[in-house]
Amino acid sequence: MRANLPESATVFLFERDPKMRNNLKKTYPEFMFHSNSSYLLKRINQEHVHQLDSIICGLPFFNFSREMRQNILSQIHTALRPGGTLVLYQYSLHMRKQLAELFEMEKIQFVPFSFPPVFVYVCRKRQDEGHTL
């Protein structure tokens, strides 16, 4: 995977499950691993990274409380640079309205042959937005 990234790329991976996180560490030892995406801004700031070009997220937002969902989405929004891309995998369309409030919705694609079937949201942070909400 590193061969497909620019030399200057910094990759943060967040995985809650310890066994899966350890497997990912073995496969991608050059990436930075963290267990809790609720601390996204804290973790990237610790590495002196202030904005991200893209975020790929498979968090099950439907299972989260409204507060947790808003906290994580706010951090994602703040972490992305203007024009940055968010790709979000979800099993329903319940996030459409909340995402549209924060991002430009470029497309939502249904992938029926995934198991289970999934909706892929491709969003972009508006160019005219600053660093914070």
C-alpha atoms as a PDB file:
ATOM      1  CA  MET A   1       0.000   0.000   0.000  1.00  0.00           C
ATOM      2  CA  ARG A   2       2.852   2.424   0.735  1.00  0.00           C
ATOM      3  CA  ALA A   3       3.999   2.142  -2.870  1.00  0.00           C
ATOM      4  CA  ASN A   4       0.741   3.811  -3.929  1.00  0.00           C
ATOM      5  CA  LEU A   5       1.245   6.791  -1.621  1.00  0.00           C
ATOM      6  CA  PRO A   6       3.456   9.834  -2.027  1.00  0.00           C
ATOM      7  CA  GLU A   7       6.660   9.655   0.023  1.00  0.00           C
ATOM      8  CA  SER A   8       5.446  12.605   2.111  1.00  0.00           C
ATOM      9  CA  ALA A   9       2.122  10.928   3.041  1.00  0.00           C
ATOM     10  CA  THR A  10       1.339  10.382   6.696  1.00  0.00           C
ATOM     11  CA  VAL A  11      -1.243   7.683   7.415  1.00  0.00           C
ATOM     12  CA  PHE A  12      -3.223   7.376  10.630  1.00  0.00           C
ATOM     13  CA  LEU A  13      -5.246   4.190  11.141  1.00  0.00           C
ATOM     14  CA  PHE A  14      -7.857   3.948  13.872  1.00  0.00           C
ATOM     15  CA  GLU A  15      -9.087   0.494  14.847  1.00  0.00           C
ATOM     16  CA  ARG A  16     -10.826  -0.314  18.116  1.00  0.00           C
ATOM     17  CA  ASP A  17     -10.467  -4.097  18.018  1.00  0.00           C
ATOM     18  CA  PRO A  18      -7.008  -5.001  19.440  1.00  0.00           C
ATOM     19  CA  LYS A  19      -6.616  -8.184  17.385  1.00  0.00           C
ATOM     20  CA  MET A  20      -7.502  -6.449  14.133  1.00  0.00           C
ATOM     21  CA  ARG A  21      -5.261  -3.483  15.034  1.00  0.00           C
ATOM     22  CA  ASN A  22      -2.318  -5.835  15.645  1.00  0.00           C
ATOM     23  CA  ASN A  23      -2.922  -7.563  12.308  1.00  0.00           C
ATOM     24  CA  LEU A  24      -2.958  -4.196  10.558  1.00  0.00           C
ATOM     25  CA  LYS A  25       0.267  -3.196  12.339  1.00  0.00           C
ATOM     26  CA  LYS A  26       1.965  -6.306  10.982  1.00  0.00           C
ATOM     27  CA  THR A  27       0.760  -5.565   7.463  1.00  0.00           C
ATOM     28  CA  TYR A  28       1.439  -1.801   7.556  1.00  0.00           C
ATOM     29  CA  PRO A  29       4.208  -1.220  10.106  1.00  0.00           C
ATOM     30  CA  GLU A  30       5.014   2.235   8.697  1.00  0.00           C
ATOM     31  CA  PHE A  31       1.557   3.644   9.571  1.00  0.00           C
ATOM     32  CA  MET A  32       0.487   5.167  12.881  1.00  0.00           C
ATOM     33  CA  PHE A  33      -2.143   3.213  14.791  1.00  0.00           C
ATOM     34  CA  HIS A  34      -4.622   4.392  17.380  1.00  0.00           C
ATOM     35  CA  SER A  35      -7.545   2.679  19.039  1.00  0.00           C
ATOM     36  CA  ASN A  36     -10.131   5.439  19.371  1.00  0.00           C
ATOM     37  CA  SER A  37     -11.241   7.722  16.564  1.00  0.00           C
ATOM     38  CA  SER A  38     -12.907   9.988  19.141  1.00  0.00           C
ATOM     39  CA  TYR A  39      -9.430  11.448  19.600  1.00  0.00           C
ATOM     40  CA  LEU A  40      -8.728  12.161  15.920  1.00  0.00           C
ATOM     41  CA  LEU A  41      -7.728  15.813  16.385  1.00  0.00           C
ATOM     42  CA  LYS A  42      -5.619  15.065  19.443  1.00  0.00           C
ATOM     43  CA  ARG A  43      -3.712  12.306  17.643  1.00  0.00           C
ATOM     44  CA  ILE A  44      -2.979  14.236  14.456  1.00  0.00           C
ATOM     45  CA  ASN A  45      -1.968  17.345  16.409  1.00  0.00           C
ATOM     46  CA  GLN A  46       0.443  15.231  18.477  1.00  0.00           C
ATOM     47  CA  GLU A  47       2.167  14.406  15.189  1.00  0.00           C
ATOM     48  CA  HIS A  48       2.166  18.099  14.175  1.00  0.00           C
ATOM     49  CA  VAL A  49      -0.322  17.437  11.388  1.00  0.00           C
ATOM     50  CA  HIS A  50      -3.001  20.096  11.332  1.00  0.00           C
ATOM     51  CA  GLN A  51      -5.125  19.178   8.329  1.00  0.00           C
ATOM     52  CA  LEU A  52      -5.727  16.028   6.333  1.00  0.00           C
ATOM     53  CA  ASP A  53      -6.208  15.623   2.592  1.00  0.00           C
ATOM     54  CA  SER A  54      -8.589  12.692   2.916  1.00  0.00           C
ATOM     55  CA  ILE A  55     -10.333  10.476   5.428  1.00  0.00           C
ATOM     56  CA  ILE A  56     -11.728   7.018   4.735  1.00  0.00           C
ATOM     57  CA  CYS A  57     -14.192   5.960   7.402  1.00  0.00           C
ATOM     58  CA  GLY A  58     -16.159   2.806   8.061  1.00  0.00           C
ATOM     59  CA  LEU A  59     -17.463   3.708  11.517  1.00  0.00           C
ATOM     60  CA  PRO A  60     -21.006   2.417  12.173  1.00  0.00           C
ATOM     61  CA  PHE A  61     -22.529   5.839  12.906  1.00  0.00           C
ATOM     62  CA  PHE A  62     -26.037   4.362  13.165  1.00  0.00           C
ATOM     63  CA  ASN A  63     -24.929   2.576  16.358  1.00  0.00           C
ATOM     64  CA  PHE A  64     -23.538   5.728  18.010  1.00  0.00           C
ATOM     65  CA  SER A  65     -25.292   8.191  20.261  1.00  0.00           C
ATOM     66  CA  ARG A  66     -26.145  11.534  18.680  1.00  0.00           C
ATOM     67  CA  GLU A  67     -23.411  13.174  20.790  1.00  0.00           C
ATOM     68  CA  MET A  68     -20.717  10.702  19.762  1.00  0.00           C
ATOM     69  CA  ARG A  69     -21.734  10.913  16.101  1.00  0.00           C
ATOM     70  CA  GLN A  70     -21.620  14.723  16.209  1.00  0.00           C
ATOM     71  CA  ASN A  71     -18.278  14.719  18.061  1.00  0.00           C
ATOM     72  CA  ILE A  72     -16.584  12.484  15.511  1.00  0.00           C
ATOM     73  CA  LEU A  73     -18.095  14.260  12.491  1.00  0.00           C
ATOM     74  CA  SER A  74     -17.051  17.620  13.911  1.00  0.00           C
ATOM     75  CA  GLN A  75     -13.486  16.355  14.340  1.00  0.00           C
ATOM     76  CA  ILE A  76     -13.476  14.944  10.803  1.00  0.00           C
ATOM     77  CA  HIS A  77     -14.719  18.273   9.461  1.00  0.00           C
ATOM     78  CA  THR A  78     -12.098  20.232  11.403  1.00  0.00           C
ATOM     79  CA  ALA A  79      -9.298  17.832  10.454  1.00  0.00           C
ATOM     80  CA  LEU A  80      -9.968  17.983   6.713  1.00  0.00           C
ATOM     81  CA  ARG A  81      -8.414  20.791   4.712  1.00  0.00           C
ATOM     82  CA  PRO A  82     -10.782  22.861   2.568  1.00  0.00           C
ATOM     83  CA  GLY A  83     -11.409  20.728  -0.519  1.00  0.00           C
ATOM     84  CA  GLY A  84     -10.442  17.567   1.401  1.00  0.00           C
ATOM     85  CA  THR A  85     -12.326  14.335   0.728  1.00  0.00           C
ATOM     86  CA  LEU A  86     -14.305  12.122   3.084  1.00  0.00           C
ATOM     87  CA  VAL A  87     -15.228   8.624   1.911  1.00  0.00           C
ATOM     88  CA  LEU A  88     -17.692   7.009   4.277  1.00  0.00           C
ATOM     89  CA  TYR A  89     -19.006   3.434   4.161  1.00  0.00           C
ATOM     90  CA  GLN A  90     -22.457   2.956   5.708  1.00  0.00           C
ATOM     91  CA  TYR A  91     -25.166   0.306   5.610  1.00  0.00           C
ATOM     92  CA  SER A  92     -28.027   2.789   5.244  1.00  0.00           C
ATOM     93  CA  LEU A  93     -28.775   6.289   4.035  1.00  0.00           C
ATOM     94  CA  HIS A  94     -29.391   7.661   7.547  1.00  0.00           C
ATOM     95  CA  MET A  95     -26.252   9.861   7.435  1.00  0.00           C
ATOM     96  CA  ARG A  96     -27.230  11.724   4.250  1.00  0.00           C
ATOM     97  CA  LYS A  97     -28.805  14.782   5.908  1.00  0.00           C
ATOM     98  CA  GLN A  98     -26.157  15.194   8.613  1.00  0.00           C
ATOM     99  CA  LEU A  99     -23.312  14.877   6.121  1.00  0.00           C
ATOM    100  CA  ALA A 100     -24.954  17.344   3.726  1.00  0.00           C
ATOM    101  CA  GLU A 101     -24.968  19.941   6.527  1.00  0.00           C
ATOM    102  CA  LEU A 102     -21.180  19.694   6.855  1.00  0.00           C
ATOM    103  CA  PHE A 103     -19.925  18.701   3.405  1.00  0.00           C
ATOM    104  CA  GLU A 104     -20.622  18.899  -0.301  1.00  0.00           C
ATOM    105  CA  MET A 105     -22.134  15.552  -1.245  1.00  0.00           C
ATOM    106  CA  GLU A 106     -20.355  14.509  -4.434  1.00  0.00           C
ATOM    107  CA  LYS A 107     -22.061  11.149  -4.715  1.00  0.00           C
ATOM    108  CA  ILE A 108     -23.632   8.278  -2.874  1.00  0.00           C
ATOM    109  CA  GLN A 109     -23.118   4.928  -4.506  1.00  0.00           C
ATOM    110  CA  PHE A 110     -24.874   1.736  -3.526  1.00  0.00           C
ATOM    111  CA  VAL A 111     -22.623  -1.331  -3.732  1.00  0.00           C
ATOM    112  CA  PRO A 112     -25.023  -4.292  -3.742  1.00  0.00           C
ATOM    113  CA  PHE A 113     -22.383  -6.987  -4.200  1.00  0.00           C
ATOM    114  CA  SER A 114     -20.509  -6.056  -1.043  1.00  0.00           C
ATOM    115  CA  PHE A 115     -21.267  -8.261   1.936  1.00  0.00           C
ATOM    116  CA  PRO A 116     -23.260  -6.839   3.473  1.00  0.00           C
ATOM    117  CA  PRO A 117     -24.362  -4.334   0.800  1.00  0.00           C
ATOM    118  CA  VAL A 118     -23.057  -0.845   1.501  1.00  0.00           C
ATOM    119  CA  PHE A 119     -23.584   2.796   0.609  1.00  0.00           C
ATOM    120  CA  VAL A 120     -20.401   4.708  -0.184  1.00  0.00           C
ATOM    121  CA  TYR A 121     -20.656   8.434   0.477  1.00  0.00           C
ATOM    122  CA  VAL A 122     -18.085  10.650  -1.229  1.00  0.00           C
ATOM    123  CA  CYS A 123     -18.059  14.097   0.379  1.00  0.00           C
ATOM    124  CA  ARG A 124     -15.835  17.137   0.089  1.00  0.00           C
ATOM    125  CA  LYS A 125     -15.173  19.877   2.598  1.00  0.00           C
ATOM    126  CA  ARG A 126     -16.248  23.152   1.069  1.00  0.00           C
ATOM    127  CA  GLN A 127     -13.357  25.245  -0.265  1.00  0.00           C
ATOM    128  CA  ASP A 128     -14.570  28.415   1.422  1.00  0.00           C
ATOM    129  CA  GLU A 129     -14.521  26.924   4.920  1.00  0.00           C
ATOM    130  CA  GLY A 130     -11.747  27.615   7.370  1.00  0.00           C
ATOM    131  CA  HIS A 131      -9.961  25.232   9.687  1.00  0.00           C
ATOM    132  CA  THR A 132     -12.637  25.058  12.388  1.00  0.00           C
ATOM    133  CA  LEU A 133     -16.416  24.826  12.595  1.00  0.00           C
END
